[in-house]
Amino acid sequence: MDYEKLEIVMRRLALEAGDKIMEIYQSPDFEVKTKSDASPVTEADEAADALISAGLRAAFPDEALVTEEQSTSHAQSVKTFLVVDPLDGTKEFVQRRGDFTVNIAYVLDGSPVRGIVYAPAKERLFYTDKGGNAVEEIGPFNKSTPGEKRSLRVARPDNGSLMVVASKSHRDQATDDYISKYSVKDMRSAGSSLKFCLVATGESDIYPRLGRTMEWDTAAGHAVLVGAGGDVVRFDSHQPLRYGKDGFENPFFIAFAPGVDLKK
């Protein structure tokens, strides 16, 4: 993989998809359909998926591509592939809460090594550069020329006073029970893959997810967090979260800054 080219292409496609999504988001009304798994899908999901897929296939024709909206058309044994969630946080989008993101990642031998997370409504753009280091670009975002960037690094956590981020739309008692095992200074809720980015920026120390997610939901944020010095492990074993699993479904997981004393 040409990582310099990948950075340029992922960034441009994420920004273009963000424009398309915001055009629909700001319209008076938009159609919301229900998929076979009972999750919502909008015309914004479909438009962004088509745009990103076409761009990635043109730029990287030899790479396998898995997207949320087209996942059933792919072999389940792929380990190196591009993976896309064109609109993560569809519930946030439908409720016009702003916590939705465009996500593109590259998985190499089961590990997400490059990724981009763009939150167009919040005007925040996080990605890995050609060397795999995580950055946040400061807007306005020119599609052809990157602007000012700041390097991201996870915080050095204080286990007696942790900052926790949890899901906004999928919070449950099991998550609250797990969080109660830690000494928590402050807790915030966020939607979509922004939770990974809040750990990457040092705004939070740990993000536990005790609920269903798919690989396209997590790969880009996972890559950004790793690029900032963080990690993501399975909830049950604390072993690395891997990609290319049959069905692309994740186990429960914990995203965190090294130094957090993980609980079982």
Protein backbone atom coordinates (compact mmCIF):
# COMPACT_ATOMS: atom_id res chain seq x y z
CA MET A 1 0.00 0.00 0.00
CA ASP A 2 1.17 3.51 -0.87
CA TYR A 3 0.45 5.21 2.47
CA GLU A 4 1.10 8.72 1.19
CA LYS A 5 -1.48 8.23 -1.55
CA LEU A 6 -3.85 6.58 0.92
CA GLU A 7 -3.71 9.59 3.25
CA ILE A 8 -4.52 11.99 0.40
CA VAL A 9 -7.34 9.87 -1.02
CA MET A 10 -8.98 9.03 2.32
CA ARG A 11 -8.93 12.67 3.39
CA ARG A 12 -10.44 13.94 0.13
CA LEU A 13 -13.16 11.28 0.04
CA ALA A 14 -14.08 11.82 3.69
CA LEU A 15 -14.46 15.56 3.11
CA GLU A 16 -16.48 15.07 -0.07
CA ALA A 17 -18.74 12.57 1.69
CA GLY A 18 -19.11 14.99 4.58
CA ASP A 19 -20.34 17.69 2.20
CA LYS A 20 -22.92 15.31 0.73
CA ILE A 21 -24.07 14.23 4.20
CA MET A 22 -24.42 17.81 5.44
CA GLU A 23 -26.41 18.78 2.35
CA ILE A 24 -28.97 16.11 3.27
CA TYR A 25 -28.71 16.78 7.04
CA GLN A 26 -29.59 20.45 6.53
CA SER A 27 -32.53 19.72 4.23
CA PRO A 28 -36.05 20.08 5.68
CA ASP A 29 -36.68 16.34 5.52
CA PHE A 30 -35.00 13.10 4.45
CA GLU A 31 -36.04 9.48 4.10
CA VAL A 32 -35.19 6.98 6.85
CA LYS A 33 -35.46 3.27 6.06
CA THR A 34 -34.95 0.21 8.25
CA LYS A 35 -32.39 -2.46 7.35
CA SER A 36 -32.76 -6.19 7.96
CA ASP A 37 -30.99 -5.88 11.33
CA ALA A 38 -33.52 -3.19 12.39
CA SER A 39 -30.92 -0.40 12.22
CA PRO A 40 -31.78 2.82 10.38
CA VAL A 41 -30.32 3.84 7.03
CA THR A 42 -30.80 7.16 5.24
CA GLU A 43 -30.17 8.55 1.79
CA ALA A 44 -27.08 10.18 3.30
CA ASP A 45 -25.63 6.75 4.21
CA GLU A 46 -26.24 5.52 0.69
CA ALA A 47 -24.93 8.62 -1.09
CA ALA A 48 -21.76 8.74 1.01
CA ASP A 49 -21.20 5.01 0.55
CA ALA A 50 -21.46 5.31 -3.24
CA LEU A 51 -19.09 8.28 -3.35
CA ILE A 52 -16.42 6.74 -1.12
CA SER A 53 -16.63 3.29 -2.70
CA ALA A 54 -16.19 4.66 -6.21
CA GLY A 55 -13.23 6.78 -5.11
CA LEU A 56 -11.45 3.94 -3.32
CA ARG A 57 -12.01 1.46 -6.14
CA ALA A 58 -10.60 3.93 -8.65
CA ALA A 59 -7.54 4.72 -6.53
CA PHE A 60 -6.85 1.21 -5.19
CA PRO A 61 -8.38 -1.30 -7.62
CA ASP A 62 -6.40 -4.25 -6.27
CA GLU A 63 -7.45 -3.82 -2.63
CA ALA A 64 -10.45 -5.62 -1.14
CA LEU A 65 -13.17 -3.18 -0.06
CA VAL A 66 -15.77 -3.77 2.66
CA THR A 67 -18.42 -1.15 3.43
CA GLU A 68 -21.35 -1.21 5.80
CA GLU A 69 -23.87 -0.86 3.01
CA GLN A 70 -22.23 -3.55 0.82
CA SER A 71 -20.77 -5.96 3.38
CA THR A 72 -22.77 -9.01 2.32
CA SER A 73 -21.11 -9.04 -1.10
CA HIS A 74 -17.66 -9.85 0.28
CA ALA A 75 -15.87 -13.02 1.29
CA GLN A 76 -15.69 -13.39 5.05
CA SER A 77 -12.04 -14.48 5.25
CA VAL A 78 -10.41 -11.21 4.15
CA LYS A 79 -7.60 -9.98 6.44
CA THR A 80 -6.17 -7.05 4.45
CA PHE A 81 -8.78 -4.65 3.16
CA LEU A 82 -10.19 -1.15 3.02
CA VAL A 83 -13.23 -0.74 5.26
CA VAL A 84 -15.81 2.04 5.25
CA ASP A 85 -18.64 3.22 7.43
CA PRO A 86 -19.96 6.12 5.34
CA LEU A 87 -22.14 7.46 8.15
CA ASP A 88 -21.50 6.14 11.65
CA GLY A 89 -24.04 7.37 14.14
CA THR A 90 -27.11 7.27 11.90
CA LYS A 91 -29.33 7.59 14.98
CA GLU A 92 -27.50 10.81 15.89
CA PHE A 93 -27.95 11.99 12.30
CA VAL A 94 -31.69 11.25 12.28
CA GLN A 95 -32.14 13.04 15.60
CA ARG A 96 -29.97 15.94 14.34
CA ARG A 97 -27.56 15.70 17.26
CA GLY A 98 -24.35 16.14 15.25
CA ASP A 99 -22.36 13.21 16.70
CA PHE A 100 -22.01 11.33 13.40
CA THR A 101 -18.87 10.56 11.44
CA VAL A 102 -17.44 9.44 8.11
CA ASN A 103 -15.01 6.54 8.61
CA ILE A 104 -12.46 5.03 6.23
CA ALA A 105 -9.71 2.63 7.31
CA TYR A 106 -7.08 0.26 5.98
CA VAL A 107 -6.69 -3.07 7.74
CA LEU A 108 -3.40 -4.92 7.26
CA ASP A 109 -3.26 -8.57 8.31
CA GLY A 110 -6.09 -8.10 10.79
CA SER A 111 -4.93 -4.80 12.32
CA PRO A 112 -6.27 -1.33 11.39
CA VAL A 113 -3.10 0.62 10.54
CA ARG A 114 -4.51 3.74 8.88
CA GLY A 115 -7.78 5.57 9.29
CA ILE A 116 -9.75 8.79 9.08
CA VAL A 117 -12.69 9.98 11.17
CA TYR A 118 -14.52 13.11 10.04
CA ALA A 119 -17.35 14.67 12.04
CA PRO A 120 -18.73 17.22 9.55
CA ALA A 121 -21.38 18.73 11.83
CA LYS A 122 -18.77 19.29 14.54
CA GLU A 123 -16.06 20.30 12.07
CA ARG A 124 -13.51 17.90 13.57
CA LEU A 125 -11.17 15.85 11.38
CA PHE A 126 -8.90 13.13 12.77
CA TYR A 127 -6.64 10.84 10.75
CA THR A 128 -3.36 8.99 10.54
CA ASP A 129 -0.67 10.54 8.38
CA LYS A 130 1.49 8.59 5.95
CA GLY A 131 3.71 7.47 8.82
CA GLY A 132 0.80 6.21 10.91
CA ASN A 133 0.86 9.07 13.41
CA ALA A 134 -2.49 10.47 14.54
CA VAL A 135 -3.30 14.11 13.87
CA GLU A 136 -6.25 16.45 14.12
CA GLU A 137 -6.50 18.94 11.28
CA ILE A 138 -7.82 22.39 12.08
CA GLY A 139 -10.43 23.72 9.63
CA PRO A 140 -11.45 25.13 7.26
CA PHE A 141 -10.80 21.97 5.27
CA ASN A 142 -9.51 22.45 1.73
CA LYS A 143 -9.96 19.20 -0.20
CA SER A 144 -6.71 19.46 -2.13
CA THR A 145 -4.42 21.03 0.49
CA PRO A 146 -4.29 19.95 4.15
CA GLY A 147 -4.38 22.75 6.68
CA GLU A 148 -2.77 23.15 10.09
CA LYS A 149 -2.40 19.86 11.93
CA ARG A 150 -1.69 19.04 15.55
CA SER A 151 -0.21 15.76 16.66
CA LEU A 152 -2.38 13.65 18.93
CA ARG A 153 -1.19 11.81 22.00
CA VAL A 154 -3.18 9.96 24.61
CA ALA A 155 -3.18 11.31 28.14
CA ARG A 156 -1.16 9.83 30.97
CA PRO A 157 -4.04 8.47 33.04
CA ASP A 158 -4.49 8.82 36.80
CA ASN A 159 -6.22 5.62 37.92
CA GLY A 160 -7.60 7.46 40.93
CA SER A 161 -9.28 10.05 38.72
CA LEU A 162 -10.15 8.71 35.27
CA MET A 163 -11.94 10.44 32.41
CA VAL A 164 -14.44 8.05 30.82
CA VAL A 165 -16.39 8.31 27.58
CA ALA A 166 -19.32 6.04 26.76
CA SER A 167 -21.92 5.62 24.05
CA LYS A 168 -24.70 8.18 23.80
CA SER A 169 -27.26 5.97 22.06
CA HIS A 170 -26.27 2.53 23.38
CA ARG A 171 -25.65 3.12 27.09
CA ASP A 172 -26.97 0.33 29.33
CA GLN A 173 -26.77 -1.00 32.87
CA ALA A 174 -23.95 -3.43 32.03
CA THR A 175 -21.81 -0.51 30.84
CA ASP A 176 -22.61 1.52 33.96
CA ASP A 177 -21.79 -1.47 36.17
CA TYR A 178 -18.43 -1.89 34.47
CA ILE A 179 -17.58 1.80 34.68
CA SER A 180 -18.39 1.69 38.42
CA LYS A 181 -15.32 -0.54 38.91
CA TYR A 182 -13.11 2.50 38.20
CA SER A 183 -12.42 5.70 40.11
CA VAL A 184 -14.03 8.19 37.77
CA LYS A 185 -13.33 11.92 37.79
CA ASP A 186 -15.70 12.74 34.96
CA MET A 187 -17.78 10.89 32.40
CA ARG A 188 -19.11 12.10 29.09
CA SER A 189 -21.29 10.65 26.37
CA ALA A 190 -20.54 10.81 22.67
CA GLY A 191 -21.90 9.21 19.53
CA SER A 192 -20.24 7.20 16.79
CA SER A 193 -16.47 6.72 16.46
CA LEU A 194 -15.83 10.11 18.10
CA LYS A 195 -15.32 8.17 21.34
CA PHE A 196 -12.07 6.67 20.04
CA CYS A 197 -10.91 10.14 19.01
CA LEU A 198 -11.63 11.61 22.45
CA VAL A 199 -9.28 9.03 23.94
CA ALA A 200 -6.73 9.78 21.21
CA THR A 201 -6.78 13.50 22.01
CA GLY A 202 -6.43 12.93 25.74
CA GLU A 203 -9.92 14.26 26.45
CA SER A 204 -10.82 10.83 27.86
CA ASP A 205 -8.81 7.90 29.22
CA ILE A 206 -11.06 4.93 28.52
CA TYR A 207 -14.01 3.94 26.35
CA PRO A 208 -15.62 0.57 27.19
CA ARG A 209 -18.13 -0.87 24.73
CA LEU A 210 -20.36 -3.66 26.02
CA GLY A 211 -22.61 -3.84 23.00
CA ARG A 212 -22.79 -4.93 19.39
CA THR A 213 -20.51 -3.22 16.89
CA MET A 214 -19.22 -4.11 13.47
CA GLU A 215 -15.70 -3.75 12.12
CA TRP A 216 -16.64 -0.77 9.94
CA ASP A 217 -17.90 1.00 13.09
CA THR A 218 -14.54 0.77 14.81
CA ALA A 219 -11.62 0.34 12.37
CA ALA A 220 -10.97 4.01 11.57
CA GLY A 221 -11.25 5.19 15.18
CA HIS A 222 -9.13 2.24 16.28
CA ALA A 223 -6.39 3.24 13.81
CA VAL A 224 -6.46 6.87 14.97
CA LEU A 225 -6.23 5.82 18.62
CA VAL A 226 -3.29 3.48 17.95
CA GLY A 227 -1.60 6.30 16.03
CA ALA A 228 -1.93 8.43 19.18
CA GLY A 229 -0.36 5.76 21.40
CA GLY A 230 -3.57 4.09 22.60
CA ASP A 231 -4.90 0.58 22.25
CA VAL A 232 -8.09 -1.44 21.80
CA VAL A 233 -8.55 -4.89 23.34
CA ARG A 234 -11.27 -7.47 23.68
CA PHE A 235 -13.35 -7.05 26.82
CA ASP A 236 -13.24 -10.73 27.74
CA SER A 237 -9.52 -11.49 27.39
CA HIS A 238 -7.79 -8.11 27.05
CA GLN A 239 -6.19 -9.47 23.89
CA PRO A 240 -5.89 -7.19 20.81
CA LEU A 241 -9.08 -6.59 18.87
CA ARG A 242 -8.59 -8.15 15.45
CA TYR A 243 -10.30 -7.58 12.11
CA GLY A 244 -11.44 -9.76 9.22
CA LYS A 245 -13.63 -11.90 11.45
CA ASP A 246 -16.42 -14.01 9.97
CA GLY A 247 -19.45 -11.75 9.66
CA PHE A 248 -17.34 -8.70 10.57
CA GLU A 249 -18.90 -8.54 14.05
CA ASN A 250 -16.80 -7.36 17.00
CA PRO A 251 -16.80 -8.77 20.52
CA PHE A 252 -17.20 -6.31 23.38
CA PHE A 253 -14.04 -4.20 23.69
CA ILE A 254 -12.17 -1.54 25.66
CA ALA A 255 -10.36 1.40 24.04
CA PHE A 256 -7.91 3.06 26.39
CA ALA A 257 -4.75 5.01 27.06
CA PRO A 258 -1.88 2.80 28.27
CA GLY A 259 -1.54 3.08 32.03
CA VAL A 260 -5.23 2.52 32.72
CA ASP A 261 -5.56 -0.40 35.12
CA LEU A 262 -8.07 -2.45 33.16
CA LYS A 263 -10.71 -4.31 35.10
CA LYS A 264 -12.31 -7.64 34.22
